Amino acid sequence: MDPEAARTARESLDLAFHMSNILDTGLDRHTLSVLIALCDLGLNPESLAAVVKELRTEPPPPPPPSSATPTTSTAPSFLP
């Protein structure tokens, strides 16, 4: 990519990010960049927006099970 095209792309992303912030979308610059690239590849913007909304409403996955499992003592008892 020539320097002029890179500058134009960076300015376009800056403008889109500024608009995103004004609209309070909550998208970071990297996510916005990925979404723009997907639109450039021909994906439907409305479908992408629906996916982003769906991902935001899903509860986070549960944490992985702990590797430390409680153990019971197998030592002999000296109590009667």
PDB file of N, CA and C in Angstrom:
ATOM      1  N   MET A   1       0.851  -1.167   0.000  1.00  0.00           N
ATOM      2  CA  MET A   1       0.000   0.000   0.000  1.00  0.00           C
ATOM      3  C   MET A   1       0.901   1.235   0.000  1.00  0.00           C
ATOM      4  N   ASP A   2       0.602   2.154  -0.919  1.00  0.00           N
ATOM      5  CA  ASP A   2       1.437   3.352  -0.973  1.00  0.00           C
ATOM      6  C   ASP A   2       1.130   4.268   0.212  1.00  0.00           C
ATOM      7  N   PRO A   3       2.039   5.170   0.520  1.00  0.00           N
ATOM      8  CA  PRO A   3       1.874   6.021   1.716  1.00  0.00           C
ATOM      9  C   PRO A   3       0.587   6.851   1.696  1.00  0.00           C
ATOM     10  N   GLU A   4       0.200   7.331   0.523  1.00  0.00           N
ATOM     11  CA  GLU A   4      -1.021   8.141   0.429  1.00  0.00           C
ATOM     12  C   GLU A   4      -2.261   7.302   0.735  1.00  0.00           C
ATOM     13  N   ALA A   5      -2.293   6.077   0.231  1.00  0.00           N
ATOM     14  CA  ALA A   5      -3.431   5.187   0.495  1.00  0.00           C
ATOM     15  C   ALA A   5      -3.475   4.812   1.974  1.00  0.00           C
ATOM     16  N   ALA A   6      -2.310   4.584   2.567  1.00  0.00           N
ATOM     17  CA  ALA A   6      -2.250   4.248   3.992  1.00  0.00           C
ATOM     18  C   ALA A   6      -2.744   5.418   4.834  1.00  0.00           C
ATOM     19  N   ARG A   7      -2.357   6.628   4.453  1.00  0.00           N
ATOM     20  CA  ARG A   7      -2.794   7.818   5.186  1.00  0.00           C
ATOM     21  C   ARG A   7      -4.306   7.984   5.074  1.00  0.00           C
ATOM     22  N   THR A   8      -4.839   7.790   3.886  1.00  0.00           N
ATOM     23  CA  THR A   8      -6.282   7.911   3.678  1.00  0.00           C
ATOM     24  C   THR A   8      -7.042   6.860   4.481  1.00  0.00           C
ATOM     25  N   ALA A   9      -6.529   5.630   4.486  1.00  0.00           N
ATOM     26  CA  ALA A   9      -7.177   4.556   5.251  1.00  0.00           C
ATOM     27  C   ALA A   9      -7.158   4.874   6.739  1.00  0.00           C
ATOM     28  N   ARG A  10      -6.035   5.376   7.236  1.00  0.00           N
ATOM     29  CA  ARG A  10      -5.915   5.722   8.652  1.00  0.00           C
ATOM     30  C   ARG A  10      -6.875   6.862   9.014  1.00  0.00           C
ATOM     31  N   GLU A  11      -6.962   7.874   8.140  1.00  0.00           N
ATOM     32  CA  GLU A  11      -7.877   8.987   8.393  1.00  0.00           C
ATOM     33  C   GLU A  11      -9.331   8.518   8.372  1.00  0.00           C
ATOM     34  N   SER A  12      -9.647   7.605   7.461  1.00  0.00           N
ATOM     35  CA  SER A  12     -11.013   7.071   7.393  1.00  0.00           C
ATOM     36  C   SER A  12     -11.357   6.304   8.662  1.00  0.00           C
ATOM     37  N   LEU A  13     -10.418   5.491   9.146  1.00  0.00           N
ATOM     38  CA  LEU A  13     -10.651   4.751  10.384  1.00  0.00           C
ATOM     39  C   LEU A  13     -10.785   5.710  11.562  1.00  0.00           C
ATOM     40  N   ASP A  14      -9.951   6.748  11.596  1.00  0.00           N
ATOM     41  CA  ASP A  14     -10.050   7.742  12.674  1.00  0.00           C
ATOM     42  C   ASP A  14     -11.430   8.400  12.677  1.00  0.00           C
ATOM     43  N   LEU A  15     -11.925   8.753  11.494  1.00  0.00           N
ATOM     44  CA  LEU A  15     -13.238   9.382  11.391  1.00  0.00           C
ATOM     45  C   LEU A  15     -14.338   8.406  11.824  1.00  0.00           C
ATOM     46  N   ALA A  16     -14.259   7.167  11.361  1.00  0.00           N
ATOM     47  CA  ALA A  16     -15.259   6.160  11.746  1.00  0.00           C
ATOM     48  C   ALA A  16     -15.219   5.916  13.254  1.00  0.00           C
ATOM     49  N   PHE A  17     -14.021   5.885  13.834  1.00  0.00           N
ATOM     50  CA  PHE A  17     -13.894   5.674  15.278  1.00  0.00           C
ATOM     51  C   PHE A  17     -14.477   6.858  16.048  1.00  0.00           C
ATOM     52  N   HIS A  18     -14.241   8.063  15.553  1.00  0.00           N
ATOM     53  CA  HIS A  18     -14.804   9.253  16.198  1.00  0.00           C
ATOM     54  C   HIS A  18     -16.335   9.199  16.159  1.00  0.00           C
ATOM     55  N   MET A  19     -16.896   8.835  15.005  1.00  0.00           N
ATOM     56  CA  MET A  19     -18.354   8.710  14.888  1.00  0.00           C
ATOM     57  C   MET A  19     -18.871   7.618  15.820  1.00  0.00           C
ATOM     58  N   SER A  20     -18.137   6.520  15.907  1.00  0.00           N
ATOM     59  CA  SER A  20     -18.511   5.413  16.787  1.00  0.00           C
ATOM     60  C   SER A  20     -18.561   5.872  18.243  1.00  0.00           C
ATOM     61  N   ASN A  21     -17.597   6.688  18.630  1.00  0.00           N
ATOM     62  CA  ASN A  21     -17.577   7.214  20.002  1.00  0.00           C
ATOM     63  C   ASN A  21     -18.733   8.175  20.255  1.00  0.00           C
ATOM     64  N   ILE A  22     -19.040   9.018  19.277  1.00  0.00           N
ATOM     65  CA  ILE A  22     -20.162   9.948  19.421  1.00  0.00           C
ATOM     66  C   ILE A  22     -21.464   9.171  19.605  1.00  0.00           C
ATOM     67  N   LEU A  23     -21.600   8.071  18.852  1.00  0.00           N
ATOM     68  CA  LEU A  23     -22.809   7.243  18.939  1.00  0.00           C
ATOM     69  C   LEU A  23     -22.777   6.285  20.118  1.00  0.00           C
ATOM     70  N   ASP A  24     -21.685   6.297  20.866  1.00  0.00           N
ATOM     71  CA  ASP A  24     -21.524   5.459  22.060  1.00  0.00           C
ATOM     72  C   ASP A  24     -21.758   3.978  21.752  1.00  0.00           C
ATOM     73  N   THR A  25     -21.081   3.487  20.704  1.00  0.00           N
ATOM     74  CA  THR A  25     -21.244   2.084  20.304  1.00  0.00           C
ATOM     75  C   THR A  25     -20.479   1.132  21.209  1.00  0.00           C
ATOM     76  N   GLY A  26     -19.436   1.633  21.859  1.00  0.00           N
ATOM     77  CA  GLY A  26     -18.624   0.766  22.708  1.00  0.00           C
ATOM     78  C   GLY A  26     -17.615  -0.058  21.933  1.00  0.00           C
ATOM     79  N   LEU A  27     -17.477   0.202  20.643  1.00  0.00           N
ATOM     80  CA  LEU A  27     -16.511  -0.543  19.831  1.00  0.00           C
ATOM     81  C   LEU A  27     -15.129   0.081  19.971  1.00  0.00           C
ATOM     82  N   ASP A  28     -14.117  -0.757  20.160  1.00  0.00           N
ATOM     83  CA  ASP A  28     -12.754  -0.231  20.181  1.00  0.00           C
ATOM     84  C   ASP A  28     -12.258  -0.094  18.740  1.00  0.00           C
ATOM     85  N   ARG A  29     -11.134   0.566  18.583  1.00  0.00           N
ATOM     86  CA  ARG A  29     -10.605   0.849  17.247  1.00  0.00           C
ATOM     87  C   ARG A  29     -10.324  -0.439  16.471  1.00  0.00           C
ATOM     88  N   HIS A  30      -9.776  -1.443  17.132  1.00  0.00           N
ATOM     89  CA  HIS A  30      -9.446  -2.701  16.444  1.00  0.00           C
ATOM     90  C   HIS A  30     -10.716  -3.407  15.962  1.00  0.00           C
ATOM     91  N   THR A  31     -11.719  -3.500  16.831  1.00  0.00           N
ATOM     92  CA  THR A  31     -12.969  -4.157  16.447  1.00  0.00           C
ATOM     93  C   THR A  31     -13.623  -3.423  15.293  1.00  0.00           C
ATOM     94  N   LEU A  32     -13.638  -2.111  15.364  1.00  0.00           N
ATOM     95  CA  LEU A  32     -14.207  -1.313  14.284  1.00  0.00           C
ATOM     96  C   LEU A  32     -13.453  -1.557  12.983  1.00  0.00           C
ATOM     97  N   SER A  33     -12.137  -1.643  13.061  1.00  0.00           N
ATOM     98  CA  SER A  33     -11.319  -1.917  11.884  1.00  0.00           C
ATOM     99  C   SER A  33     -11.671  -3.267  11.267  1.00  0.00           C
ATOM    100  N   VAL A  34     -11.849  -4.283  12.115  1.00  0.00           N
ATOM    101  CA  VAL A  34     -12.215  -5.618  11.624  1.00  0.00           C
ATOM    102  C   VAL A  34     -13.589  -5.576  10.959  1.00  0.00           C
ATOM    103  N   LEU A  35     -14.541  -4.896  11.585  1.00  0.00           N
ATOM    104  CA  LEU A  35     -15.885  -4.812  11.014  1.00  0.00           C
ATOM    105  C   LEU A  35     -15.876  -4.084   9.672  1.00  0.00           C
ATOM    106  N   ILE A  36     -15.096  -3.025   9.564  1.00  0.00           N
ATOM    107  CA  ILE A  36     -14.985  -2.303   8.294  1.00  0.00           C
ATOM    108  C   ILE A  36     -14.369  -3.206   7.231  1.00  0.00           C
ATOM    109  N   ALA A  37     -13.328  -3.952   7.602  1.00  0.00           N
ATOM    110  CA  ALA A  37     -12.688  -4.866   6.649  1.00  0.00           C
ATOM    111  C   ALA A  37     -13.678  -5.929   6.172  1.00  0.00           C
ATOM    112  N   LEU A  38     -14.497  -6.448   7.079  1.00  0.00           N
ATOM    113  CA  LEU A  38     -15.499  -7.448   6.689  1.00  0.00           C
ATOM    114  C   LEU A  38     -16.528  -6.848   5.735  1.00  0.00           C
ATOM    115  N   CYS A  39     -16.917  -5.601   5.974  1.00  0.00           N
ATOM    116  CA  CYS A  39     -17.831  -4.924   5.048  1.00  0.00           C
ATOM    117  C   CYS A  39     -17.170  -4.744   3.685  1.00  0.00           C
ATOM    118  N   ASP A  40     -15.887  -4.382   3.690  1.00  0.00           N
ATOM    119  CA  ASP A  40     -15.147  -4.223   2.433  1.00  0.00           C
ATOM    120  C   ASP A  40     -15.085  -5.527   1.648  1.00  0.00           C
ATOM    121  N   LEU A  41     -15.112  -6.655   2.370  1.00  0.00           N
ATOM    122  CA  LEU A  41     -15.085  -7.965   1.714  1.00  0.00           C
ATOM    123  C   LEU A  41     -16.467  -8.388   1.221  1.00  0.00           C
ATOM    124  N   GLY A  42     -17.476  -7.577   1.518  1.00  0.00           N
ATOM    125  CA  GLY A  42     -18.804  -7.854   0.993  1.00  0.00           C
ATOM    126  C   GLY A  42     -19.815  -8.383   1.986  1.00  0.00           C
ATOM    127  N   LEU A  43     -19.441  -8.512   3.252  1.00  0.00           N
ATOM    128  CA  LEU A  43     -20.416  -8.972   4.239  1.00  0.00           C
ATOM    129  C   LEU A  43     -21.459  -7.886   4.476  1.00  0.00           C
ATOM    130  N   ASN A  44     -22.659  -8.311   4.763  1.00  0.00           N
ATOM    131  CA  ASN A  44     -23.767  -7.397   4.971  1.00  0.00           C
ATOM    132  C   ASN A  44     -23.585  -6.655   6.297  1.00  0.00           C
ATOM    133  N   PRO A  45     -23.528  -5.312   6.267  1.00  0.00           N
ATOM    134  CA  PRO A  45     -23.329  -4.541   7.502  1.00  0.00           C
ATOM    135  C   PRO A  45     -24.430  -4.760   8.537  1.00  0.00           C
ATOM    136  N   GLU A  46     -25.670  -4.924   8.074  1.00  0.00           N
ATOM    137  CA  GLU A  46     -26.766  -5.147   9.019  1.00  0.00           C
ATOM    138  C   GLU A  46     -26.618  -6.500   9.711  1.00  0.00           C
ATOM    139  N   SER A  47     -26.145  -7.492   8.969  1.00  0.00           N
ATOM    140  CA  SER A  47     -25.914  -8.809   9.572  1.00  0.00           C
ATOM    141  C   SER A  47     -24.788  -8.739  10.595  1.00  0.00           C
ATOM    142  N   LEU A  48     -23.721  -8.009  10.263  1.00  0.00           N
ATOM    143  CA  LEU A  48     -22.618  -7.846  11.216  1.00  0.00           C
ATOM    144  C   LEU A  48     -23.092  -7.142  12.482  1.00  0.00           C
ATOM    145  N   ALA A  49     -23.928  -6.117  12.314  1.00  0.00           N
ATOM    146  CA  ALA A  49     -24.459  -5.405  13.480  1.00  0.00           C
ATOM    147  C   ALA A  49     -25.284  -6.344  14.351  1.00  0.00           C
ATOM    148  N   ALA A  50     -26.067  -7.216  13.717  1.00  0.00           N
ATOM    149  CA  ALA A  50     -26.874  -8.175  14.478  1.00  0.00           C
ATOM    150  C   ALA A  50     -25.984  -9.141  15.251  1.00  0.00           C
ATOM    151  N   VAL A  51     -24.882  -9.571  14.641  1.00  0.00           N
ATOM    152  CA  VAL A  51     -23.954 -10.481  15.318  1.00  0.00           C
ATOM    153  C   VAL A  51     -23.309  -9.784  16.519  1.00  0.00           C
ATOM    154  N   VAL A  52     -22.886  -8.546  16.340  1.00  0.00           N
ATOM    155  CA  VAL A  52     -22.268  -7.797  17.442  1.00  0.00           C
ATOM    156  C   VAL A  52     -23.264  -7.652  18.593  1.00  0.00           C
ATOM    157  N   LYS A  53     -24.499  -7.308  18.274  1.00  0.00           N
ATOM    158  CA  LYS A  53     -25.524  -7.177  19.322  1.00  0.00           C
ATOM    159  C   LYS A  53     -25.744  -8.501  20.039  1.00  0.00           C
ATOM    160  N   GLU A  54     -25.806  -9.583  19.283  1.00  0.00           N
ATOM    161  CA  GLU A  54     -26.031 -10.903  19.881  1.00  0.00           C
ATOM    162  C   GLU A  54     -24.877 -11.287  20.802  1.00  0.00           C
ATOM    163  N   LEU A  55     -23.656 -11.037  20.354  1.00  0.00           N
ATOM    164  CA  LEU A  55     -22.493 -11.375  21.179  1.00  0.00           C
ATOM    165  C   LEU A  55     -22.475 -10.568  22.471  1.00  0.00           C
ATOM    166  N   ARG A  56     -22.973  -9.364  22.413  1.00  0.00           N
ATOM    167  CA  ARG A  56     -22.989  -8.525  23.619  1.00  0.00           C
ATOM    168  C   ARG A  56     -24.042  -8.981  24.614  1.00  0.00           C
ATOM    169  N   THR A  57     -25.100  -9.634  24.150  1.00  0.00           N
ATOM    170  CA  THR A  57     -26.163 -10.050  25.065  1.00  0.00           C
ATOM    171  C   THR A  57     -25.919 -11.426  25.653  1.00  0.00           C
ATOM    172  N   GLU A  58     -25.010 -12.198  25.057  1.00  0.00           N
ATOM    173  CA  GLU A  58     -24.715 -13.527  25.587  1.00  0.00           C
ATOM    174  C   GLU A  58     -23.952 -13.403  26.900  1.00  0.00           C
ATOM    175  N   PRO A  59     -24.311 -14.220  27.875  1.00  0.00           N
ATOM    176  CA  PRO A  59     -23.539 -14.197  29.120  1.00  0.00           C
ATOM    177  C   PRO A  59     -22.142 -14.756  28.869  1.00  0.00           C
ATOM    178  N   PRO A  60     -21.162 -14.304  29.619  1.00  0.00           N
ATOM    179  CA  PRO A  60     -19.805 -14.833  29.423  1.00  0.00           C
ATOM    180  C   PRO A  60     -19.766 -16.316  29.773  1.00  0.00           C
ATOM    181  N   PRO A  61     -18.872 -17.056  29.132  1.00  0.00           N
ATOM    182  CA  PRO A  61     -18.781 -18.489  29.434  1.00  0.00           C
ATOM    183  C   PRO A  61     -18.333 -18.701  30.874  1.00  0.00           C
ATOM    184  N   PRO A  62     -18.751 -19.815  31.466  1.00  0.00           N
ATOM    185  CA  PRO A  62     -18.334 -20.079  32.850  1.00  0.00           C
ATOM    186  C   PRO A  62     -16.835 -20.323  32.908  1.00  0.00           C
ATOM    187  N   PRO A  63     -16.223 -20.034  34.041  1.00  0.00           N
ATOM    188  CA  PRO A  63     -14.778 -20.265  34.155  1.00  0.00           C
ATOM    189  C   PRO A  63     -14.493 -21.759  34.088  1.00  0.00           C
ATOM    190  N   PRO A  64     -13.307 -22.119  33.620  1.00  0.00           N
ATOM    191  CA  PRO A  64     -12.965 -23.547  33.556  1.00  0.00           C
ATOM    192  C   PRO A  64     -12.920 -24.134  34.954  1.00  0.00           C
ATOM    193  N   PRO A  65     -13.207 -25.436  35.065  1.00  0.00           N
ATOM    194  CA  PRO A  65     -13.167 -26.056  36.396  1.00  0.00           C
ATOM    195  C   PRO A  65     -11.767 -25.977  36.985  1.00  0.00           C
ATOM    196  N   SER A  66     -11.730 -25.819  38.281  1.00  0.00           N
ATOM    197  CA  SER A  66     -10.449 -25.719  38.972  1.00  0.00           C
ATOM    198  C   SER A  66      -9.760 -27.071  38.966  1.00  0.00           C
ATOM    199  N   SER A  67      -8.449 -27.067  38.828  1.00  0.00           N
ATOM    200  CA  SER A  67      -7.711 -28.335  38.841  1.00  0.00           C
ATOM    201  C   SER A  67      -7.535 -28.860  40.263  1.00  0.00           C
ATOM    202  N   ALA A  68      -7.705 -27.983  41.235  1.00  0.00           N
ATOM    203  CA  ALA A  68      -7.583 -28.409  42.637  1.00  0.00           C
ATOM    204  C   ALA A  68      -8.947 -28.894  43.107  1.00  0.00           C
ATOM    205  N   THR A  69      -9.073 -30.184  43.306  1.00  0.00           N
ATOM    206  CA  THR A  69     -10.334 -30.742  43.784  1.00  0.00           C
ATOM    207  C   THR A  69     -10.213 -31.040  45.263  1.00  0.00           C
ATOM    208  N   PRO A  70     -11.280 -30.822  46.008  1.00  0.00           N
ATOM    209  CA  PRO A  70     -11.206 -31.109  47.444  1.00  0.00           C
ATOM    210  C   PRO A  70     -10.997 -32.603  47.673  1.00  0.00           C
ATOM    211  N   THR A  71     -10.134 -32.904  48.590  1.00  0.00           N
ATOM    212  CA  THR A  71      -9.868 -34.311  48.900  1.00  0.00           C
ATOM    213  C   THR A  71     -10.254 -34.574  50.338  1.00  0.00           C
ATOM    214  N   THR A  72     -10.599 -35.795  50.601  1.00  0.00           N
ATOM    215  CA  THR A  72     -10.916 -36.176  51.978  1.00  0.00           C
ATOM    216  C   THR A  72      -9.702 -36.854  52.564  1.00  0.00           C
ATOM    217  N   SER A  73      -9.543 -36.692  53.831  1.00  0.00           N
ATOM    218  CA  SER A  73      -8.395 -37.283  54.499  1.00  0.00           C
ATOM    219  C   SER A  73      -8.587 -38.788  54.624  1.00  0.00           C
ATOM    220  N   THR A  74      -7.552 -39.528  54.291  1.00  0.00           N
ATOM    221  CA  THR A  74      -7.610 -40.991  54.438  1.00  0.00           C
ATOM    222  C   THR A  74      -6.690 -41.455  55.561  1.00  0.00           C
ATOM    223  N   ALA A  75      -6.220 -40.506  56.363  1.00  0.00           N
ATOM    224  CA  ALA A  75      -5.338 -40.870  57.483  1.00  0.00           C
ATOM    225  C   ALA A  75      -6.146 -41.619  58.539  1.00  0.00           C
ATOM    226  N   PRO A  76      -5.537 -42.587  59.199  1.00  0.00           N
ATOM    227  CA  PRO A  76      -6.264 -43.347  60.234  1.00  0.00           C
ATOM    228  C   PRO A  76      -6.610 -42.453  61.412  1.00  0.00           C
ATOM    229  N   SER A  77      -7.737 -42.712  61.988  1.00  0.00           N
ATOM    230  CA  SER A  77      -8.186 -41.954  63.141  1.00  0.00           C
ATOM    231  C   SER A  77      -7.835 -42.718  64.406  1.00  0.00           C
ATOM    232  N   PHE A  78      -7.305 -42.011  65.383  1.00  0.00           N
ATOM    233  CA  PHE A  78      -6.950 -42.645  66.650  1.00  0.00           C
ATOM    234  C   PHE A  78      -8.017 -42.394  67.712  1.00  0.00           C
ATOM    235  N   LEU A  79      -9.137 -41.848  67.305  1.00  0.00           N
ATOM    236  CA  LEU A  79     -10.223 -41.599  68.250  1.00  0.00           C
ATOM    237  C   LEU A  79     -11.096 -42.850  68.361  1.00  0.00           C
ATOM    238  N   PRO A  80     -11.636 -43.128  69.563  1.00  0.00           N
ATOM    239  CA  PRO A  80     -12.481 -44.327  69.722  1.00  0.00           C
ATOM    240  C   PRO A  80     -13.780 -44.236  68.977  1.00  0.00           C
TER     241      PRO A  80
END
